C-alpha atoms as a PDB file:
ATOM      1  CA  MET A   1     -24.338  41.025   9.850  1.00  0.00           C
ATOM      2  CA  LYS A   2     -24.823  39.541   6.441  1.00  0.00           C
ATOM      3  CA  LYS A   3     -21.200  40.048   5.713  1.00  0.00           C
ATOM      4  CA  LEU A   4     -20.139  38.169   8.838  1.00  0.00           C
ATOM      5  CA  VAL A   5     -22.368  35.344   8.022  1.00  0.00           C
ATOM      6  CA  LEU A   6     -21.123  35.147   4.313  1.00  0.00           C
ATOM      7  CA  LEU A   7     -17.397  35.264   5.609  1.00  0.00           C
ATOM      8  CA  THR A   8     -18.095  32.449   8.177  1.00  0.00           C
ATOM      9  CA  PHE A   9     -19.711  30.386   5.424  1.00  0.00           C
ATOM     10  CA  THR A  10     -16.738  30.937   3.045  1.00  0.00           C
ATOM     11  CA  LEU A  11     -14.334  29.955   5.692  1.00  0.00           C
ATOM     12  CA  ILE A  12     -16.181  26.756   6.603  1.00  0.00           C
ATOM     13  CA  CYS A  13     -16.336  25.886   2.877  1.00  0.00           C
ATOM     14  CA  MET A  14     -12.554  26.403   2.454  1.00  0.00           C
ATOM     15  CA  LEU A  15     -11.852  24.278   5.492  1.00  0.00           C
ATOM     16  CA  CYS A  16     -14.060  21.448   4.182  1.00  0.00           C
ATOM     17  CA  ILE A  17     -12.442  21.554   0.699  1.00  0.00           C
ATOM     18  CA  GLN A  18      -8.932  21.506   2.329  1.00  0.00           C
ATOM     19  CA  HIS A  19      -9.890  18.650   4.542  1.00  0.00           C
ATOM     20  CA  GLN A  20     -11.098  16.628   1.718  1.00  0.00           C
ATOM     21  CA  ALA A  21      -8.048  17.290  -0.366  1.00  0.00           C
ATOM     22  CA  GLN A  22      -5.876  16.191   2.576  1.00  0.00           C
ATOM     23  CA  ALA A  23      -7.872  13.018   2.971  1.00  0.00           C
ATOM     24  CA  THR A  24      -7.451  12.336  -0.686  1.00  0.00           C
ATOM     25  CA  ASP A  25      -3.735  12.878  -0.549  1.00  0.00           C
ATOM     26  CA  VAL A  26      -3.504  10.484   2.410  1.00  0.00           C
ATOM     27  CA  ASN A  27      -5.552   7.833   0.528  1.00  0.00           C
ATOM     28  CA  SER A  28      -3.234   8.149  -2.414  1.00  0.00           C
ATOM     29  CA  VAL A  29      -0.094   7.800  -0.177  1.00  0.00           C
ATOM     30  CA  LYS A  30      -1.552   4.779   1.484  1.00  0.00           C
ATOM     31  CA  ALA A  31      -2.405   3.126  -1.862  1.00  0.00           C
ATOM     32  CA  THR A  32       1.154   3.735  -3.067  1.00  0.00           C
ATOM     33  CA  ILE A  33       2.613   2.305   0.120  1.00  0.00           C
ATOM     34  CA  VAL A  34       0.526  -0.802  -0.255  1.00  0.00           C
ATOM     35  CA  LYS A  35       1.330  -1.225  -3.809  1.00  0.00           C
ATOM     36  CA  HIS A  36       5.146  -1.078  -3.224  1.00  0.00           C
ATOM     37  CA  ALA A  37       4.985  -3.208  -0.157  1.00  0.00           C
ATOM     38  CA  ILE A  38       3.203  -5.972  -2.064  1.00  0.00           C
ATOM     39  CA  GLU A  39       5.653  -5.654  -4.878  1.00  0.00           C
ATOM     40  CA  MET A  40       8.610  -5.957  -2.483  1.00  0.00           C
ATOM     41  CA  GLY A  41       7.372  -8.825  -0.524  1.00  0.00           C
ATOM     42  CA  VAL A  42       6.648  -6.867   2.645  1.00  0.00           C
ATOM     43  CA  ASP A  43       3.523  -7.022   4.731  1.00  0.00           C
ATOM     44  CA  PRO A  44       1.613  -3.936   3.829  1.00  0.00           C
ATOM     45  CA  ALA A  45       0.241  -3.537   7.317  1.00  0.00           C
ATOM     46  CA  ILE A  46       3.748  -3.036   8.803  1.00  0.00           C
ATOM     47  CA  ALA A  47       4.598  -0.660   5.965  1.00  0.00           C
ATOM     48  CA  LEU A  48       1.554   1.451   6.623  1.00  0.00           C
ATOM     49  CA  SER A  49       2.186   1.459  10.446  1.00  0.00           C
ATOM     50  CA  ILE A  50       5.833   2.740   9.933  1.00  0.00           C
ATOM     51  CA  ALA A  51       4.718   5.486   7.705  1.00  0.00           C
ATOM     52  CA  LYS A  52       1.897   6.513  10.117  1.00  0.00           C
ATOM     53  CA  THR A  53       4.175   6.758  13.011  1.00  0.00           C
ATOM     54  CA  GLU A  54       7.036   8.485  11.096  1.00  0.00           C
ATOM     55  CA  SER A  55       5.046  11.193   9.337  1.00  0.00           C
ATOM     56  CA  GLY A  56       1.299  10.582   9.568  1.00  0.00           C
ATOM     57  CA  PHE A  57       1.543   9.880   5.688  1.00  0.00           C
ATOM     58  CA  ARG A  58       2.632  13.458   5.003  1.00  0.00           C
ATOM     59  CA  HIS A  59       5.379  13.729   2.326  1.00  0.00           C
ATOM     60  CA  GLU A  60       6.084  17.313   3.303  1.00  0.00           C
ATOM     61  CA  ALA A  61       7.161  16.168   6.837  1.00  0.00           C
ATOM     62  CA  ARG A  62      10.604  17.243   7.895  1.00  0.00           C
ATOM     63  CA  SER A  63      12.519  16.436  11.097  1.00  0.00           C
ATOM     64  CA  ALA A  64      14.955  18.504  13.173  1.00  0.00           C
ATOM     65  CA  HIS A  65      17.591  15.925  12.348  1.00  0.00           C
ATOM     66  CA  GLY A  66      17.056  16.387   8.555  1.00  0.00           C
ATOM     67  CA  ALA A  67      14.950  13.344   7.842  1.00  0.00           C
ATOM     68  CA  VAL A  68      12.341  13.871   5.035  1.00  0.00           C
ATOM     69  CA  GLY A  69       9.239  12.445   3.500  1.00  0.00           C
ATOM     70  CA  VAL A  70       6.698   9.744   4.386  1.00  0.00           C
ATOM     71  CA  TYR A  71       9.304   7.488   5.786  1.00  0.00           C
ATOM     72  CA  GLN A  72      11.586  10.196   7.234  1.00  0.00           C
ATOM     73  CA  LEU A  73      14.667   9.079   5.381  1.00  0.00           C
ATOM     74  CA  MET A  74      17.902  10.645   5.784  1.00  0.00           C
ATOM     75  CA  PRO A  75      19.031  12.076   2.420  1.00  0.00           C
ATOM     76  CA  SER A  76      22.456  10.379   2.845  1.00  0.00           C
ATOM     77  CA  THR A  77      20.808   6.919   3.436  1.00  0.00           C
ATOM     78  CA  ALA A  78      18.534   7.392   0.387  1.00  0.00           C
ATOM     79  CA  ARG A  79      21.455   8.367  -1.811  1.00  0.00           C
ATOM     80  CA  ARG A  80      23.322   5.257  -0.774  1.00  0.00           C
ATOM     81  CA  MET A  81      20.410   3.286  -1.949  1.00  0.00           C
ATOM     82  CA  GLY A  82      20.310   5.165  -5.179  1.00  0.00           C
ATOM     83  CA  LEU A  83      17.048   6.844  -4.427  1.00  0.00           C
ATOM     84  CA  ASN A  84      15.724  10.494  -4.226  1.00  0.00           C
ATOM     85  CA  PRO A  85      14.247  11.014  -0.792  1.00  0.00           C
ATOM     86  CA  TYR A  86      12.277  14.052  -2.047  1.00  0.00           C
ATOM     87  CA  SER A  87      10.404  11.931  -4.606  1.00  0.00           C
ATOM     88  CA  LEU A  88       7.236  10.477  -3.053  1.00  0.00           C
ATOM     89  CA  ASN A  89       7.700   7.038  -4.880  1.00  0.00           C
ATOM     90  CA  ASP A  90      11.371   6.892  -3.964  1.00  0.00           C
ATOM     91  CA  ASN A  91      10.779   7.842  -0.458  1.00  0.00           C
ATOM     92  CA  ILE A  92       8.283   5.130   0.094  1.00  0.00           C
ATOM     93  CA  ARG A  93      10.301   2.484  -1.729  1.00  0.00           C
ATOM     94  CA  GLY A  94      13.395   3.465   0.332  1.00  0.00           C
ATOM     95  CA  GLY A  95      11.558   3.203   3.535  1.00  0.00           C
ATOM     96  CA  ILE A  96      10.155  -0.204   2.719  1.00  0.00           C
ATOM     97  CA  MET A  97      13.484  -1.268   1.411  1.00  0.00           C
ATOM     98  CA  TYR A  98      15.372  -0.241   4.453  1.00  0.00           C
ATOM     99  CA  TYR A  99      12.939  -1.946   6.878  1.00  0.00           C
ATOM    100  CA  LYS A 100      13.183  -5.133   4.725  1.00  0.00           C
ATOM    101  CA  MET A 101      16.981  -5.000   5.135  1.00  0.00           C
ATOM    102  CA  MET A 102      16.761  -4.610   8.827  1.00  0.00           C
ATOM    103  CA  TYR A 103      14.345  -7.517   8.934  1.00  0.00           C
ATOM    104  CA  LYS A 104      16.686  -9.669   6.992  1.00  0.00           C
ATOM    105  CA  MET A 105      19.543  -8.666   9.321  1.00  0.00           C
ATOM    106  CA  PHE A 106      17.761  -9.422  12.678  1.00  0.00           C
ATOM    107  CA  GLY A 107      14.819 -11.824  11.713  1.00  0.00           C
ATOM    108  CA  SER A 108      12.411 -10.016  13.916  1.00  0.00           C
ATOM    109  CA  VAL A 109       9.783  -7.363  13.403  1.00  0.00           C
ATOM    110  CA  GLU A 110      10.580  -5.515  16.782  1.00  0.00           C
ATOM    111  CA  LEU A 111      14.285  -5.624  16.210  1.00  0.00           C
ATOM    112  CA  ALA A 112      13.957  -4.453  12.601  1.00  0.00           C
ATOM    113  CA  LEU A 113      11.851  -1.443  13.885  1.00  0.00           C
ATOM    114  CA  ALA A 114      14.459  -0.791  16.567  1.00  0.00           C
ATOM    115  CA  ALA A 115      17.127  -0.688  13.939  1.00  0.00           C
ATOM    116  CA  TYR A 116      15.032   1.524  11.749  1.00  0.00           C
ATOM    117  CA  ASN A 117      14.876   4.046  14.518  1.00  0.00           C
ATOM    118  CA  ALA A 118      18.206   3.786  16.373  1.00  0.00           C
ATOM    119  CA  GLY A 119      20.363   2.112  13.742  1.00  0.00           C
ATOM    120  CA  PRO A 120      21.483  -1.510  13.386  1.00  0.00           C
ATOM    121  CA  GLY A 121      24.689  -0.870  15.375  1.00  0.00           C
ATOM    122  CA  ASN A 122      22.679  -0.215  18.544  1.00  0.00           C
ATOM    123  CA  VAL A 123      20.590  -3.241  18.069  1.00  0.00           C
ATOM    124  CA  LYS A 124      23.643  -5.419  17.652  1.00  0.00           C
ATOM    125  CA  LYS A 125      25.288  -3.783  20.613  1.00  0.00           C
ATOM    126  CA  TYR A 126      22.445  -4.689  23.055  1.00  0.00           C
ATOM    127  CA  ASN A 127      21.224  -7.706  21.207  1.00  0.00           C
ATOM    128  CA  ALA A 128      17.729  -6.380  21.838  1.00  0.00           C
ATOM    129  CA  VAL A 129      15.742  -3.310  21.474  1.00  0.00           C
ATOM    130  CA  PRO A 130      18.018  -0.521  22.733  1.00  0.00           C
ATOM    131  CA  PRO A 131      17.132   0.997  26.123  1.00  0.00           C
ATOM    132  CA  PHE A 132      16.375   4.350  24.632  1.00  0.00           C
ATOM    133  CA  ALA A 133      12.988   5.949  25.555  1.00  0.00           C
ATOM    134  CA  GLU A 134      12.469   7.250  21.937  1.00  0.00           C
ATOM    135  CA  THR A 135      13.183   3.897  20.371  1.00  0.00           C
ATOM    136  CA  LYS A 136      11.101   1.933  22.829  1.00  0.00           C
ATOM    137  CA  ARG A 137       8.182   4.329  22.141  1.00  0.00           C
ATOM    138  CA  PHE A 138       8.624   3.992  18.478  1.00  0.00           C
ATOM    139  CA  VAL A 139       8.607   0.263  18.432  1.00  0.00           C
ATOM    140  CA  ALA A 140       5.638  -0.053  20.845  1.00  0.00           C
ATOM    141  CA  LYS A 141       3.502   2.489  18.858  1.00  0.00           C
ATOM    142  CA  ILE A 142       4.117   0.678  15.517  1.00  0.00           C
ATOM    143  CA  MET A 143       3.520  -2.739  16.983  1.00  0.00           C
ATOM    144  CA  ALA A 144       0.219  -1.646  18.599  1.00  0.00           C
ATOM    145  CA  ASP A 145      -1.029  -0.295  15.258  1.00  0.00           C
ATOM    146  CA  TYR A 146       0.259  -3.320  13.356  1.00  0.00           C
ATOM    147  CA  ASN A 147      -1.462  -5.735  15.625  1.00  0.00           C
ATOM    148  CA  HIS A 148      -4.623  -3.554  15.437  1.00  0.00           C
ATOM    149  CA  GLN A 149      -4.548  -3.816  11.687  1.00  0.00           C
ATOM    150  CA  LYS A 150      -4.557  -7.615  11.807  1.00  0.00           C
ATOM    151  CA  THR A 151      -8.084  -7.496  12.966  1.00  0.00           C
ATOM    152  CA  ASN A 152      -9.082  -4.142  11.250  1.00  0.00           C
ATOM    153  CA  PRO A 153      -7.229  -3.953   7.983  1.00  0.00           C
ATOM    154  CA  ASP A 154      -6.720  -0.438   6.558  1.00  0.00           C
ATOM    155  CA  PRO A 155      -9.123   0.195   3.581  1.00  0.00           C
ATOM    156  CA  ALA A 156      -6.031   0.682   1.326  1.00  0.00           C
ATOM    157  CA  ILE A 157      -5.126  -3.037   1.969  1.00  0.00           C
ATOM    158  CA  LEU A 158      -8.647  -4.292   1.423  1.00  0.00           C
ATOM    159  CA  ASN A 159      -8.892  -2.318  -1.939  1.00  0.00           C
ATOM    160  CA  ALA A 160      -5.547  -3.747  -3.046  1.00  0.00           C
ATOM    161  CA  LYS A 161      -6.628  -7.251  -2.515  1.00  0.00           C
ATOM    162  CA  ALA A 162     -10.204  -6.953  -3.764  1.00  0.00           C
ATOM    163  CA  PRO A 163     -10.810  -8.997  -6.769  1.00  0.00           C
ATOM    164  CA  VAL A 164     -11.209  -7.108 -10.057  1.00  0.00           C
ATOM    165  CA  LYS A 165     -14.558  -7.401 -11.493  1.00  0.00           C
ATOM    166  CA  ALA A 166     -14.761  -8.652 -15.194  1.00  0.00           C
ATOM    167  CA  LEU A 167     -16.420  -6.434 -17.650  1.00  0.00           C
ATOM    168  CA  PRO A 168     -19.635  -7.933 -19.062  1.00  0.00           C
ATOM    169  CA  LYS A 169     -18.977  -9.526 -22.427  1.00  0.00           C
ATOM    170  CA  THR A 170     -20.666  -8.200 -25.438  1.00  0.00           C
ATOM    171  CA  PRO A 171     -22.650 -10.906 -27.022  1.00  0.00           C
ATOM    172  CA  ALA A 172     -21.418 -11.967 -30.565  1.00  0.00           C
ATOM    173  CA  PRO A 173     -23.656 -10.807 -33.294  1.00  0.00           C
ATOM    174  CA  VAL A 174     -25.893 -13.580 -34.628  1.00  0.00           C
ATOM    175  CA  PRO A 175     -25.149 -14.365 -38.269  1.00  0.00           C
ATOM    176  CA  ASN A 176     -27.809 -13.562 -40.726  1.00  0.00           C
ATOM    177  CA  VAL A 177     -28.238 -16.984 -42.430  1.00  0.00           C
ATOM    178  CA  LYS A 178     -30.780 -17.285 -45.047  1.00  0.00           C
ATOM    179  CA  VAL A 179     -32.982 -20.348 -45.184  1.00  0.00           C
ATOM    180  CA  GLN A 180     -31.801 -21.559 -48.607  1.00  0.00           C
ATOM    181  CA  ASP A 181     -28.115 -21.223 -47.345  1.00  0.00           C
ATOM    182  CA  ALA A 182     -28.887 -23.227 -44.247  1.00  0.00           C
ATOM    183  CA  ALA A 183     -30.201 -26.082 -46.290  1.00  0.00           C
ATOM    184  CA  ASP A 184     -26.654 -26.450 -47.858  1.00  0.00           C
ATOM    185  CA  LEU A 185     -24.827 -26.628 -44.615  1.00  0.00           C
ATOM    186  CA  GLN A 186     -23.611 -30.050 -43.371  1.00  0.00           C
ATOM    187  CA  ALA A 187     -22.487 -30.837 -39.863  1.00  0.00           C
ATOM    188  CA  GLU A 188     -20.427 -33.679 -38.795  1.00  0.00           C
ATOM    189  CA  ILE A 189     -20.962 -35.296 -35.448  1.00  0.00           C
ATOM    190  CA  LEU A 190     -17.838 -36.797 -34.088  1.00  0.00           C
ATOM    191  CA  ASP A 191     -19.246 -38.242 -30.826  1.00  0.00           C
ATOM    192  CA  ASP A 192     -22.735 -38.088 -29.283  1.00  0.00           C
ATOM    193  CA  SER A 193     -21.327 -38.525 -25.690  1.00  0.00           C
ATOM    194  CA  PRO A 194     -21.343 -35.549 -23.366  1.00  0.00           C
ATOM    195  CA  ILE A 195     -18.010 -33.646 -22.954  1.00  0.00           C
ATOM    196  CA  GLU A 196     -16.573 -33.209 -19.449  1.00  0.00           C
ATOM    197  CA  LEU A 197     -14.332 -30.241 -18.751  1.00  0.00           C
ATOM    198  CA  ASP A 198     -11.771 -30.568 -15.954  1.00  0.00           C
ATOM    199  CA  ILE A 199     -11.267 -26.961 -14.820  1.00  0.00           C
ATOM    200  CA  SER A 200      -8.730 -26.355 -12.020  1.00  0.00           C
ATOM    201  CA  THR A 201      -8.418 -23.073 -10.170  1.00  0.00           C
ATOM    202  CA  GLN A 202      -5.220 -21.752  -8.669  1.00  0.00           C
ATOM    203  CA  THR A 203      -4.983 -19.238  -5.812  1.00  0.00           C
ATOM    204  CA  LEU A 204      -2.061 -16.798  -5.723  1.00  0.00           C
ATOM    205  CA  ALA A 205      -1.045 -15.840  -2.031  1.00  0.00           C
ATOM    206  CA  ILE A 206       0.979 -12.825  -1.421  1.00  0.00           C
END
């Protein structure tokens, strides 16, 4: 009986450790997605939504059609962009880059997503989201998650936009001035009027 309890406890501990490791990996992937999206001028919310739908943020994901990684890139497509789809950073950059290309081509989030899934040729052919069940589900699922994030941003986005706290400044050491030395010091007052400083702040919007 004791062995059974011990075995059960060990299994539970192993599952907890594995779950915690997976959660850490997902958070790391999300942070990388947000970082690259901001650098590339793409809304990190849509970048996260695509990755969530494509792979659940799993870089080890592989599709029956040969697509790989977080953004389910076809190796041939990644190579044309000069990227290695099996590298996490390259896969993320490639996925965001491809979405950005599709958005520039069609000027619409929905059409860009449709082109991401079904190819730009099909979007041009129908001049709309192609009437394919898989593509319609793909677009609808991402748009639902994307709209949800507008009111409930992912923690990865909030962390990326959080202001960096400045470290407290170490006070400068007080000089050890002797009384007799201080008597020899002379100060010249240029103006006894108060000095006003005009400090302007600038806000950078991404």
